[in-house]
Amino acid sequence: MSPFFVMSLLFGLIFGQAASLCAPSEYTIHVEKRECAYCLAINTTICAGFCMTRDSNGKKLLLKSALSQNVCTYKEMLYRTALIPGCPHHTIPYYSYPVAVSCKCGKCNTDYSDCVRERVRTNYCTKPQKLCTL
């Protein structure tokens, strides 16, 4: 390998991480249960942003480990629990949700992330809304 190739490869790897813009971002989740009288709007943070991806046209010539499909995912997270107002006594009125503390570009972990393209869905309330303030 030529020194120019090695330097170009190192520069690409370093620049790839520097060009990634993955960070906690504010997000509102709307939560409602059929049995409860209200919809709860919860302000939280999720991981969102751009991660450098390397996908070569010469896929057949490279090892799979050389190809990288990184996503913006949780580095550190914690869970909080909110109380949905207006629920009858026989219903569990609690909803637990993740809060991103820090994020990273990395492989998608299906244990806590949806790793497929997000389908179009609505994020709104059909019942009167209450805001969760923690």
N, C-alpha and C. Protein backbone atom coordinates (compact mmCIF):
# COMPACT_ATOMS: atom_id res chain seq x y z
N MET A 1 0.83 -1.18 0.00
CA MET A 1 0.00 0.00 0.00
C MET A 1 0.88 1.24 0.00
N SER A 2 0.46 2.20 -0.77
CA SER A 2 1.23 3.43 -0.83
C SER A 2 0.94 4.29 0.39
N PRO A 3 1.89 5.13 0.77
CA PRO A 3 1.68 6.02 1.91
C PRO A 3 0.49 6.97 1.67
N PHE A 4 0.29 7.38 0.43
CA PHE A 4 -0.83 8.27 0.11
C PHE A 4 -2.17 7.58 0.40
N PHE A 5 -2.28 6.30 0.03
CA PHE A 5 -3.50 5.54 0.27
C PHE A 5 -3.77 5.41 1.77
N VAL A 6 -2.73 5.09 2.54
CA VAL A 6 -2.89 4.92 3.99
C VAL A 6 -3.31 6.23 4.64
N MET A 7 -2.68 7.34 4.24
CA MET A 7 -3.03 8.65 4.79
C MET A 7 -4.46 9.03 4.41
N SER A 8 -4.86 8.74 3.17
CA SER A 8 -6.22 9.04 2.73
C SER A 8 -7.23 8.24 3.53
N LEU A 9 -6.91 6.99 3.78
CA LEU A 9 -7.80 6.13 4.56
C LEU A 9 -7.94 6.64 5.99
N LEU A 10 -6.83 7.01 6.63
CA LEU A 10 -6.87 7.54 7.99
C LEU A 10 -7.63 8.85 8.05
N PHE A 11 -7.39 9.73 7.09
CA PHE A 11 -8.10 11.00 7.05
C PHE A 11 -9.60 10.78 6.90
N GLY A 12 -9.99 9.85 6.04
CA GLY A 12 -11.40 9.54 5.83
C GLY A 12 -12.06 9.03 7.10
N LEU A 13 -11.37 8.16 7.83
CA LEU A 13 -11.93 7.62 9.06
C LEU A 13 -12.08 8.71 10.13
N ILE A 14 -11.07 9.55 10.26
CA ILE A 14 -11.11 10.63 11.24
C ILE A 14 -12.17 11.66 10.86
N PHE A 15 -12.19 12.06 9.60
CA PHE A 15 -13.16 13.06 9.15
C PHE A 15 -14.58 12.51 9.25
N GLY A 16 -14.75 11.23 8.98
CA GLY A 16 -16.07 10.61 9.06
C GLY A 16 -16.68 10.76 10.43
N GLN A 17 -15.90 10.57 11.50
CA GLN A 17 -16.44 10.74 12.85
C GLN A 17 -16.68 12.21 13.15
N ALA A 18 -15.79 13.09 12.67
CA ALA A 18 -15.94 14.52 12.94
C ALA A 18 -17.15 15.10 12.21
N ALA A 19 -17.49 14.54 11.05
CA ALA A 19 -18.60 15.06 10.26
C ALA A 19 -19.95 14.55 10.75
N SER A 20 -19.95 13.62 11.65
CA SER A 20 -21.20 13.08 12.17
C SER A 20 -21.84 14.08 13.12
N LEU A 21 -23.12 14.31 12.95
CA LEU A 21 -23.85 15.26 13.78
C LEU A 21 -24.98 14.53 14.50
N CYS A 22 -24.62 13.69 15.43
CA CYS A 22 -25.56 12.86 16.17
C CYS A 22 -25.58 13.36 17.61
N ALA A 23 -26.76 13.78 18.09
CA ALA A 23 -26.84 14.36 19.43
C ALA A 23 -28.26 14.22 19.97
N PRO A 24 -28.41 14.35 21.30
CA PRO A 24 -29.77 14.36 21.86
C PRO A 24 -30.57 15.53 21.29
N SER A 25 -31.82 15.25 20.98
CA SER A 25 -32.69 16.24 20.37
C SER A 25 -34.04 16.21 21.09
N GLU A 26 -34.64 17.36 21.29
CA GLU A 26 -35.93 17.42 21.97
C GLU A 26 -37.01 16.78 21.11
N TYR A 27 -37.91 16.05 21.77
CA TYR A 27 -38.97 15.34 21.06
C TYR A 27 -40.18 15.25 21.98
N THR A 28 -41.37 15.33 21.42
CA THR A 28 -42.61 15.21 22.19
C THR A 28 -43.31 13.91 21.80
N ILE A 29 -43.60 13.09 22.81
CA ILE A 29 -44.33 11.84 22.62
C ILE A 29 -45.77 12.07 23.11
N HIS A 30 -46.74 11.65 22.33
CA HIS A 30 -48.13 11.72 22.75
C HIS A 30 -48.58 10.31 23.13
N VAL A 31 -49.04 10.16 24.37
CA VAL A 31 -49.41 8.85 24.90
C VAL A 31 -50.86 8.88 25.36
N GLU A 32 -51.61 7.89 24.92
CA GLU A 32 -52.97 7.76 25.42
C GLU A 32 -53.35 6.29 25.51
N LYS A 33 -54.22 5.99 26.47
CA LYS A 33 -54.77 4.65 26.63
C LYS A 33 -56.27 4.74 26.43
N ARG A 34 -56.83 3.72 25.84
CA ARG A 34 -58.26 3.71 25.53
C ARG A 34 -59.11 3.96 26.78
N GLU A 35 -58.68 3.40 27.92
CA GLU A 35 -59.46 3.49 29.15
C GLU A 35 -59.34 4.84 29.85
N CYS A 36 -58.33 5.61 29.53
CA CYS A 36 -58.04 6.86 30.25
C CYS A 36 -58.70 8.06 29.57
N ALA A 37 -58.98 9.08 30.35
CA ALA A 37 -59.71 10.26 29.85
C ALA A 37 -58.83 11.25 29.08
N TYR A 38 -57.51 11.21 29.32
CA TYR A 38 -56.64 12.22 28.72
C TYR A 38 -55.52 11.59 27.91
N CYS A 39 -54.98 12.42 27.04
CA CYS A 39 -53.76 12.10 26.30
C CYS A 39 -52.64 12.88 26.98
N LEU A 40 -51.49 12.28 27.11
CA LEU A 40 -50.37 12.92 27.79
C LEU A 40 -49.29 13.28 26.77
N ALA A 41 -48.90 14.54 26.73
CA ALA A 41 -47.80 15.00 25.88
C ALA A 41 -46.54 15.03 26.74
N ILE A 42 -45.57 14.21 26.40
CA ILE A 42 -44.34 14.08 27.19
C ILE A 42 -43.18 14.66 26.40
N ASN A 43 -42.49 15.62 27.00
CA ASN A 43 -41.28 16.17 26.39
C ASN A 43 -40.09 15.35 26.86
N THR A 44 -39.32 14.83 25.91
CA THR A 44 -38.15 14.01 26.22
C THR A 44 -37.04 14.34 25.22
N THR A 45 -35.97 13.58 25.26
CA THR A 45 -34.91 13.72 24.27
C THR A 45 -34.69 12.36 23.62
N ILE A 46 -34.44 12.39 22.32
CA ILE A 46 -34.11 11.20 21.56
C ILE A 46 -32.80 11.45 20.83
N CYS A 47 -32.19 10.40 20.32
CA CYS A 47 -30.99 10.56 19.50
C CYS A 47 -31.40 10.79 18.06
N ALA A 48 -30.88 11.85 17.48
CA ALA A 48 -31.21 12.18 16.11
C ALA A 48 -30.03 12.86 15.46
N GLY A 49 -29.92 12.69 14.17
CA GLY A 49 -28.87 13.38 13.44
C GLY A 49 -28.23 12.51 12.38
N PHE A 50 -27.17 13.03 11.83
CA PHE A 50 -26.47 12.42 10.70
C PHE A 50 -25.24 11.65 11.16
N CYS A 51 -25.08 10.47 10.62
CA CYS A 51 -23.87 9.68 10.86
C CYS A 51 -23.25 9.33 9.51
N MET A 52 -21.95 9.46 9.42
CA MET A 52 -21.24 9.10 8.19
C MET A 52 -21.41 7.60 7.95
N THR A 53 -21.66 7.27 6.70
CA THR A 53 -21.82 5.88 6.29
C THR A 53 -20.89 5.61 5.12
N ARG A 54 -20.25 4.47 5.19
CA ARG A 54 -19.37 4.07 4.09
C ARG A 54 -19.99 2.86 3.41
N ASP A 55 -20.33 3.05 2.16
CA ASP A 55 -20.92 1.96 1.38
C ASP A 55 -20.28 2.00 0.00
N SER A 56 -19.41 1.11 -0.23
CA SER A 56 -18.62 1.11 -1.45
C SER A 56 -19.38 0.49 -2.61
N ASN A 57 -19.08 0.97 -3.82
CA ASN A 57 -19.64 0.35 -5.02
C ASN A 57 -19.01 -1.02 -5.24
N GLY A 58 -17.84 -1.23 -4.68
CA GLY A 58 -17.16 -2.52 -4.84
C GLY A 58 -17.44 -3.45 -3.68
N LYS A 59 -18.70 -3.63 -3.32
CA LYS A 59 -19.08 -4.43 -2.17
C LYS A 59 -18.55 -5.85 -2.24
N LYS A 60 -18.48 -6.39 -3.43
CA LYS A 60 -18.04 -7.78 -3.59
C LYS A 60 -16.55 -7.94 -3.34
N LEU A 61 -15.80 -6.84 -3.43
CA LEU A 61 -14.35 -6.90 -3.25
C LEU A 61 -13.93 -6.70 -1.80
N LEU A 62 -14.82 -6.16 -0.97
CA LEU A 62 -14.47 -5.82 0.40
C LEU A 62 -15.10 -6.79 1.40
N LEU A 63 -14.48 -6.89 2.55
CA LEU A 63 -15.07 -7.65 3.64
C LEU A 63 -16.29 -6.91 4.16
N LYS A 64 -17.25 -7.64 4.72
CA LYS A 64 -18.46 -6.99 5.26
C LYS A 64 -18.11 -6.02 6.38
N SER A 65 -17.03 -6.29 7.11
CA SER A 65 -16.65 -5.39 8.21
C SER A 65 -16.15 -4.04 7.70
N ALA A 66 -15.76 -3.97 6.42
CA ALA A 66 -15.29 -2.70 5.85
C ALA A 66 -16.46 -1.80 5.47
N LEU A 67 -17.63 -2.38 5.33
CA LEU A 67 -18.82 -1.60 5.00
C LEU A 67 -19.50 -1.19 6.30
N SER A 68 -19.90 0.04 6.39
CA SER A 68 -20.46 0.54 7.64
C SER A 68 -21.79 1.23 7.38
N GLN A 69 -22.82 0.80 8.08
CA GLN A 69 -24.12 1.46 8.02
C GLN A 69 -24.46 1.93 9.43
N ASN A 70 -23.87 3.02 9.83
CA ASN A 70 -24.08 3.54 11.19
C ASN A 70 -25.36 4.37 11.28
N VAL A 71 -25.95 4.33 12.45
CA VAL A 71 -27.13 5.14 12.75
C VAL A 71 -26.86 5.94 14.01
N CYS A 72 -27.62 6.99 14.20
CA CYS A 72 -27.52 7.78 15.42
C CYS A 72 -28.31 7.04 16.49
N THR A 73 -27.63 6.55 17.52
CA THR A 73 -28.27 5.72 18.53
C THR A 73 -27.82 6.12 19.92
N TYR A 74 -28.45 5.53 20.92
CA TYR A 74 -28.16 5.88 22.31
C TYR A 74 -26.78 5.40 22.75
N LYS A 75 -26.04 6.28 23.37
CA LYS A 75 -24.81 5.90 24.07
C LYS A 75 -25.15 5.68 25.53
N GLU A 76 -25.85 6.65 26.11
CA GLU A 76 -26.37 6.54 27.47
C GLU A 76 -27.83 6.98 27.46
N MET A 77 -28.66 6.23 28.19
CA MET A 77 -30.06 6.63 28.32
C MET A 77 -30.57 6.19 29.67
N LEU A 78 -31.65 6.82 30.07
CA LEU A 78 -32.33 6.42 31.29
C LEU A 78 -33.81 6.40 30.99
N TYR A 79 -34.55 5.74 31.85
CA TYR A 79 -36.00 5.68 31.67
C TYR A 79 -36.68 6.49 32.76
N ARG A 80 -37.73 7.19 32.36
CA ARG A 80 -38.58 7.91 33.30
C ARG A 80 -39.99 7.35 33.16
N THR A 81 -40.77 7.53 34.18
CA THR A 81 -42.14 7.05 34.16
C THR A 81 -43.09 8.21 34.42
N ALA A 82 -44.12 8.28 33.60
CA ALA A 82 -45.12 9.34 33.74
C ALA A 82 -46.47 8.71 34.10
N LEU A 83 -47.29 9.49 34.78
CA LEU A 83 -48.62 9.07 35.17
C LEU A 83 -49.63 9.66 34.19
N ILE A 84 -50.41 8.81 33.53
CA ILE A 84 -51.43 9.28 32.61
C ILE A 84 -52.67 9.65 33.44
N PRO A 85 -53.12 10.90 33.36
CA PRO A 85 -54.25 11.32 34.20
C PRO A 85 -55.59 10.79 33.66
N GLY A 86 -56.53 10.67 34.57
CA GLY A 86 -57.89 10.30 34.19
C GLY A 86 -58.10 8.83 33.92
N CYS A 87 -57.27 7.96 34.50
CA CYS A 87 -57.42 6.51 34.30
C CYS A 87 -58.25 5.91 35.42
N PRO A 88 -59.13 4.96 35.10
CA PRO A 88 -59.89 4.29 36.16
C PRO A 88 -58.97 3.41 37.01
N HIS A 89 -59.44 3.02 38.19
CA HIS A 89 -58.60 2.29 39.14
C HIS A 89 -58.12 0.94 38.62
N HIS A 90 -58.87 0.29 37.75
CA HIS A 90 -58.47 -1.03 37.25
C HIS A 90 -57.41 -0.97 36.14
N THR A 91 -57.03 0.23 35.70
CA THR A 91 -56.06 0.41 34.63
C THR A 91 -54.72 0.85 35.21
N ILE A 92 -53.64 0.31 34.65
CA ILE A 92 -52.30 0.75 35.05
C ILE A 92 -52.05 2.10 34.37
N PRO A 93 -51.92 3.19 35.14
CA PRO A 93 -51.85 4.52 34.56
C PRO A 93 -50.42 5.01 34.25
N TYR A 94 -49.44 4.13 34.25
CA TYR A 94 -48.06 4.56 34.09
C TYR A 94 -47.54 4.26 32.69
N TYR A 95 -46.66 5.14 32.21
CA TYR A 95 -46.00 4.95 30.91
C TYR A 95 -44.52 5.25 31.09
N SER A 96 -43.65 4.29 30.75
CA SER A 96 -42.20 4.49 30.84
C SER A 96 -41.66 4.82 29.46
N TYR A 97 -40.73 5.76 29.42
CA TYR A 97 -40.18 6.22 28.15
C TYR A 97 -38.68 6.49 28.31
N PRO A 98 -37.93 6.34 27.20
CA PRO A 98 -36.48 6.58 27.26
C PRO A 98 -36.15 8.07 27.17
N VAL A 99 -35.06 8.44 27.82
CA VAL A 99 -34.52 9.79 27.74
C VAL A 99 -33.06 9.67 27.32
N ALA A 100 -32.70 10.23 26.19
CA ALA A 100 -31.32 10.17 25.72
C ALA A 100 -30.46 11.11 26.56
N VAL A 101 -29.38 10.56 27.13
CA VAL A 101 -28.42 11.36 27.88
C VAL A 101 -27.28 11.75 26.94
N SER A 102 -26.81 10.77 26.17
CA SER A 102 -25.78 11.02 25.16
C SER A 102 -26.00 10.06 24.00
N CYS A 103 -25.47 10.43 22.84
CA CYS A 103 -25.69 9.66 21.62
C CYS A 103 -24.37 9.34 20.95
N LYS A 104 -24.42 8.38 20.04
CA LYS A 104 -23.23 7.98 19.27
C LYS A 104 -23.66 7.46 17.91
N CYS A 105 -22.74 7.45 16.99
CA CYS A 105 -22.96 6.79 15.72
C CYS A 105 -22.48 5.36 15.88
N GLY A 106 -23.33 4.41 15.60
CA GLY A 106 -22.96 3.01 15.75
C GLY A 106 -24.00 2.10 15.15
N LYS A 107 -23.81 0.83 15.38
CA LYS A 107 -24.75 -0.17 14.88
C LYS A 107 -26.07 -0.04 15.62
N CYS A 108 -27.15 -0.29 14.93
CA CYS A 108 -28.47 -0.18 15.53
C CYS A 108 -28.73 -1.41 16.40
N ASN A 109 -29.14 -1.17 17.65
CA ASN A 109 -29.45 -2.23 18.58
C ASN A 109 -30.96 -2.41 18.64
N THR A 110 -31.44 -3.54 18.14
CA THR A 110 -32.89 -3.77 18.07
C THR A 110 -33.52 -4.02 19.43
N ASP A 111 -32.70 -4.11 20.50
CA ASP A 111 -33.27 -4.27 21.84
C ASP A 111 -34.03 -3.02 22.28
N TYR A 112 -33.60 -1.84 21.79
CA TYR A 112 -34.26 -0.61 22.21
C TYR A 112 -34.45 0.41 21.09
N SER A 113 -34.17 0.03 19.86
CA SER A 113 -34.35 0.96 18.75
C SER A 113 -35.07 0.29 17.58
N ASP A 114 -35.82 1.11 16.85
CA ASP A 114 -36.43 0.65 15.62
C ASP A 114 -35.42 0.91 14.52
N CYS A 115 -34.89 -0.14 13.93
CA CYS A 115 -33.76 -0.01 13.00
C CYS A 115 -34.18 0.06 11.54
N VAL A 116 -35.45 0.11 11.27
CA VAL A 116 -35.92 0.21 9.90
C VAL A 116 -36.37 1.63 9.65
N ARG A 117 -36.58 1.93 8.39
CA ARG A 117 -37.04 3.27 8.05
C ARG A 117 -38.37 3.54 8.74
N GLU A 118 -38.47 4.70 9.36
CA GLU A 118 -39.67 5.05 10.12
C GLU A 118 -40.85 5.20 9.17
N ARG A 119 -41.91 4.50 9.46
CA ARG A 119 -43.11 4.61 8.63
C ARG A 119 -43.85 5.90 9.01
N VAL A 120 -44.68 6.35 8.11
CA VAL A 120 -45.44 7.56 8.36
C VAL A 120 -46.49 7.25 9.42
N ARG A 121 -46.46 7.96 10.49
CA ARG A 121 -47.46 7.78 11.53
C ARG A 121 -47.74 9.13 12.16
N THR A 122 -48.87 9.21 12.76
CA THR A 122 -49.25 10.46 13.39
C THR A 122 -48.81 10.44 14.84
N ASN A 123 -48.41 11.58 15.32
CA ASN A 123 -48.01 11.73 16.71
C ASN A 123 -48.87 12.85 17.29
N TYR A 124 -50.11 12.53 17.54
CA TYR A 124 -51.04 13.52 18.07
C TYR A 124 -52.02 12.83 19.01
N CYS A 125 -52.81 13.63 19.67
CA CYS A 125 -53.80 13.13 20.63
C CYS A 125 -55.18 13.12 20.01
N THR A 126 -55.98 12.12 20.38
CA THR A 126 -57.38 12.10 19.98
C THR A 126 -58.28 12.47 21.17
N LYS A 127 -57.68 12.58 22.35
CA LYS A 127 -58.40 12.94 23.57
C LYS A 127 -57.88 14.28 24.07
N PRO A 128 -58.54 14.88 25.06
CA PRO A 128 -58.01 16.14 25.63
C PRO A 128 -56.57 15.92 26.11
N GLN A 129 -55.74 16.93 25.91
CA GLN A 129 -54.31 16.79 26.16
C GLN A 129 -53.88 17.41 27.47
N LYS A 130 -52.98 16.73 28.15
CA LYS A 130 -52.31 17.25 29.34
C LYS A 130 -50.82 17.20 29.05
N LEU A 131 -50.07 18.17 29.55
CA LEU A 131 -48.62 18.22 29.37
C LEU A 131 -47.92 17.64 30.58
N CYS A 132 -46.99 16.73 30.33
CA CYS A 132 -46.21 16.13 31.42
C CYS A 132 -45.03 17.05 31.72
N THR A 133 -44.96 17.57 32.92
CA THR A 133 -43.85 18.41 33.33
C THR A 133 -43.13 17.73 34.48
N LEU A 134 -41.87 17.43 34.25
CA LEU A 134 -41.05 16.76 35.28
C LEU A 134 -39.99 17.69 35.78
